[in-house]
Amino acid sequence: MRALLEYMAHELVDTPEAVEIKERVGRHTITYELHVAPDETGKVIGRSGRVAKAIRDLMAVAAARQGKRVHIDIE
């Protein structure tokens, strides 16, 4: 799942080398902290949060296939 999030983030921003993902694994949940360049946060969040919601929805489907839940913090 981390690879999926990394791929989506790299495709959305202009400086993919600035993308950082931290992962915390719990018993039934996985939390990802997505860090991008400060001037590109808007590209990842999108207008009214639409892009962020789409990312979270795709990650939720991938997590459900593994019997887990996922939470994504965009910073």
C-alpha atoms as a PDB file:
ATOM      1  CA  MET A   1       0.000   0.000   0.000  1.00  0.00           C
ATOM      2  CA  ARG A   2       2.886   2.331   0.689  1.00  0.00           C
ATOM      3  CA  ALA A   3       3.997   1.962  -2.922  1.00  0.00           C
ATOM      4  CA  LEU A   4       0.530   2.980  -4.131  1.00  0.00           C
ATOM      5  CA  LEU A   5       0.533   6.115  -1.978  1.00  0.00           C
ATOM      6  CA  GLU A   6       4.072   6.949  -3.066  1.00  0.00           C
ATOM      7  CA  TYR A   7       3.155   6.553  -6.736  1.00  0.00           C
ATOM      8  CA  MET A   8       0.105   8.804  -6.438  1.00  0.00           C
ATOM      9  CA  ALA A   9       2.025  11.485  -4.545  1.00  0.00           C
ATOM     10  CA  HIS A  10       4.925  11.445  -7.016  1.00  0.00           C
ATOM     11  CA  GLU A  11       2.564  11.886  -9.951  1.00  0.00           C
ATOM     12  CA  LEU A  12       0.738  14.822  -8.363  1.00  0.00           C
ATOM     13  CA  VAL A  13       3.686  17.043  -7.427  1.00  0.00           C
ATOM     14  CA  ASP A  14       6.366  18.780  -9.491  1.00  0.00           C
ATOM     15  CA  THR A  15       9.205  17.829  -7.124  1.00  0.00           C
ATOM     16  CA  PRO A  16       8.779  14.126  -6.368  1.00  0.00           C
ATOM     17  CA  GLU A  17      12.087  14.005  -4.509  1.00  0.00           C
ATOM     18  CA  ALA A  18      10.491  16.107  -1.743  1.00  0.00           C
ATOM     19  CA  VAL A  19       7.837  13.463  -1.032  1.00  0.00           C
ATOM     20  CA  GLU A  20       8.272  11.709   2.306  1.00  0.00           C
ATOM     21  CA  ILE A  21       6.037   8.999   3.716  1.00  0.00           C
ATOM     22  CA  LYS A  22       6.148   7.799   7.296  1.00  0.00           C
ATOM     23  CA  GLU A  23       4.275   4.639   8.189  1.00  0.00           C
ATOM     24  CA  ARG A  24       2.898   3.549  11.558  1.00  0.00           C
ATOM     25  CA  VAL A  25       1.438   0.076  11.717  1.00  0.00           C
ATOM     26  CA  GLY A  26      -1.076  -0.863  14.366  1.00  0.00           C
ATOM     27  CA  ARG A  27      -2.997  -4.023  14.968  1.00  0.00           C
ATOM     28  CA  HIS A  28      -5.855  -3.235  12.582  1.00  0.00           C
ATOM     29  CA  THR A  29      -4.882   0.168  11.206  1.00  0.00           C
ATOM     30  CA  ILE A  30      -2.060   1.683   9.218  1.00  0.00           C
ATOM     31  CA  THR A  31      -1.343   5.406   9.452  1.00  0.00           C
ATOM     32  CA  TYR A  32       0.625   7.181   6.745  1.00  0.00           C
ATOM     33  CA  GLU A  33       2.036  10.670   7.159  1.00  0.00           C
ATOM     34  CA  LEU A  34       2.531  12.208   3.728  1.00  0.00           C
ATOM     35  CA  HIS A  35       4.933  15.151   3.595  1.00  0.00           C
ATOM     36  CA  VAL A  36       5.361  17.193   0.406  1.00  0.00           C
ATOM     37  CA  ALA A  37       7.025  20.518  -0.360  1.00  0.00           C
ATOM     38  CA  PRO A  38       5.111  23.350   1.363  1.00  0.00           C
ATOM     39  CA  ASP A  39       4.185  25.047  -1.913  1.00  0.00           C
ATOM     40  CA  GLU A  40       2.752  21.801  -3.330  1.00  0.00           C
ATOM     41  CA  THR A  41       0.456  20.828  -0.484  1.00  0.00           C
ATOM     42  CA  GLY A  42      -2.471  22.310  -2.391  1.00  0.00           C
ATOM     43  CA  LYS A  43      -1.878  19.974  -5.321  1.00  0.00           C
ATOM     44  CA  VAL A  44      -2.165  16.954  -3.054  1.00  0.00           C
ATOM     45  CA  ILE A  45      -5.211  18.275  -1.192  1.00  0.00           C
ATOM     46  CA  GLY A  46      -6.998  19.689  -4.237  1.00  0.00           C
ATOM     47  CA  ARG A  47      -9.922  22.069  -4.457  1.00  0.00           C
ATOM     48  CA  SER A  48     -12.270  21.475  -1.521  1.00  0.00           C
ATOM     49  CA  GLY A  49     -10.181  18.413  -0.606  1.00  0.00           C
ATOM     50  CA  ARG A  50     -11.298  16.386  -3.611  1.00  0.00           C
ATOM     51  CA  VAL A  51      -7.860  14.989  -4.468  1.00  0.00           C
ATOM     52  CA  ALA A  52      -7.154  14.088  -0.834  1.00  0.00           C
ATOM     53  CA  LYS A  53     -10.526  12.338  -0.613  1.00  0.00           C
ATOM     54  CA  ALA A  54      -9.799  10.367  -3.775  1.00  0.00           C
ATOM     55  CA  ILE A  55      -6.407   9.306  -2.410  1.00  0.00           C
ATOM     56  CA  ARG A  56      -7.985   8.248   0.883  1.00  0.00           C
ATOM     57  CA  ASP A  57     -10.731   6.323  -0.939  1.00  0.00           C
ATOM     58  CA  LEU A  58      -8.245   4.388  -3.078  1.00  0.00           C
ATOM     59  CA  MET A  59      -6.097   3.619  -0.060  1.00  0.00           C
ATOM     60  CA  ALA A  60      -9.176   2.448   1.882  1.00  0.00           C
ATOM     61  CA  VAL A  61      -9.998  -0.033  -0.879  1.00  0.00           C
ATOM     62  CA  ALA A  62      -6.422  -1.346  -0.901  1.00  0.00           C
ATOM     63  CA  ALA A  63      -6.451  -1.661   2.892  1.00  0.00           C
ATOM     64  CA  ALA A  64      -9.817  -3.429   2.922  1.00  0.00           C
ATOM     65  CA  ARG A  65      -8.422  -6.084   0.619  1.00  0.00           C
ATOM     66  CA  GLN A  66      -5.864  -6.824   3.345  1.00  0.00           C
ATOM     67  CA  GLY A  67      -8.408  -6.674   6.153  1.00  0.00           C
ATOM     68  CA  LYS A  68      -7.028  -3.411   7.551  1.00  0.00           C
ATOM     69  CA  ARG A  69      -8.061   0.229   7.880  1.00  0.00           C
ATOM     70  CA  VAL A  70      -5.924   3.120   6.724  1.00  0.00           C
ATOM     71  CA  HIS A  71      -5.571   6.731   7.810  1.00  0.00           C
ATOM     72  CA  ILE A  72      -3.626   9.331   5.818  1.00  0.00           C
ATOM     73  CA  ASP A  73      -2.312  12.600   7.251  1.00  0.00           C
ATOM     74  CA  ILE A  74      -1.223  15.114   4.620  1.00  0.00           C
ATOM     75  CA  GLU A  75       1.276  17.676   5.840  1.00  0.00           C
END
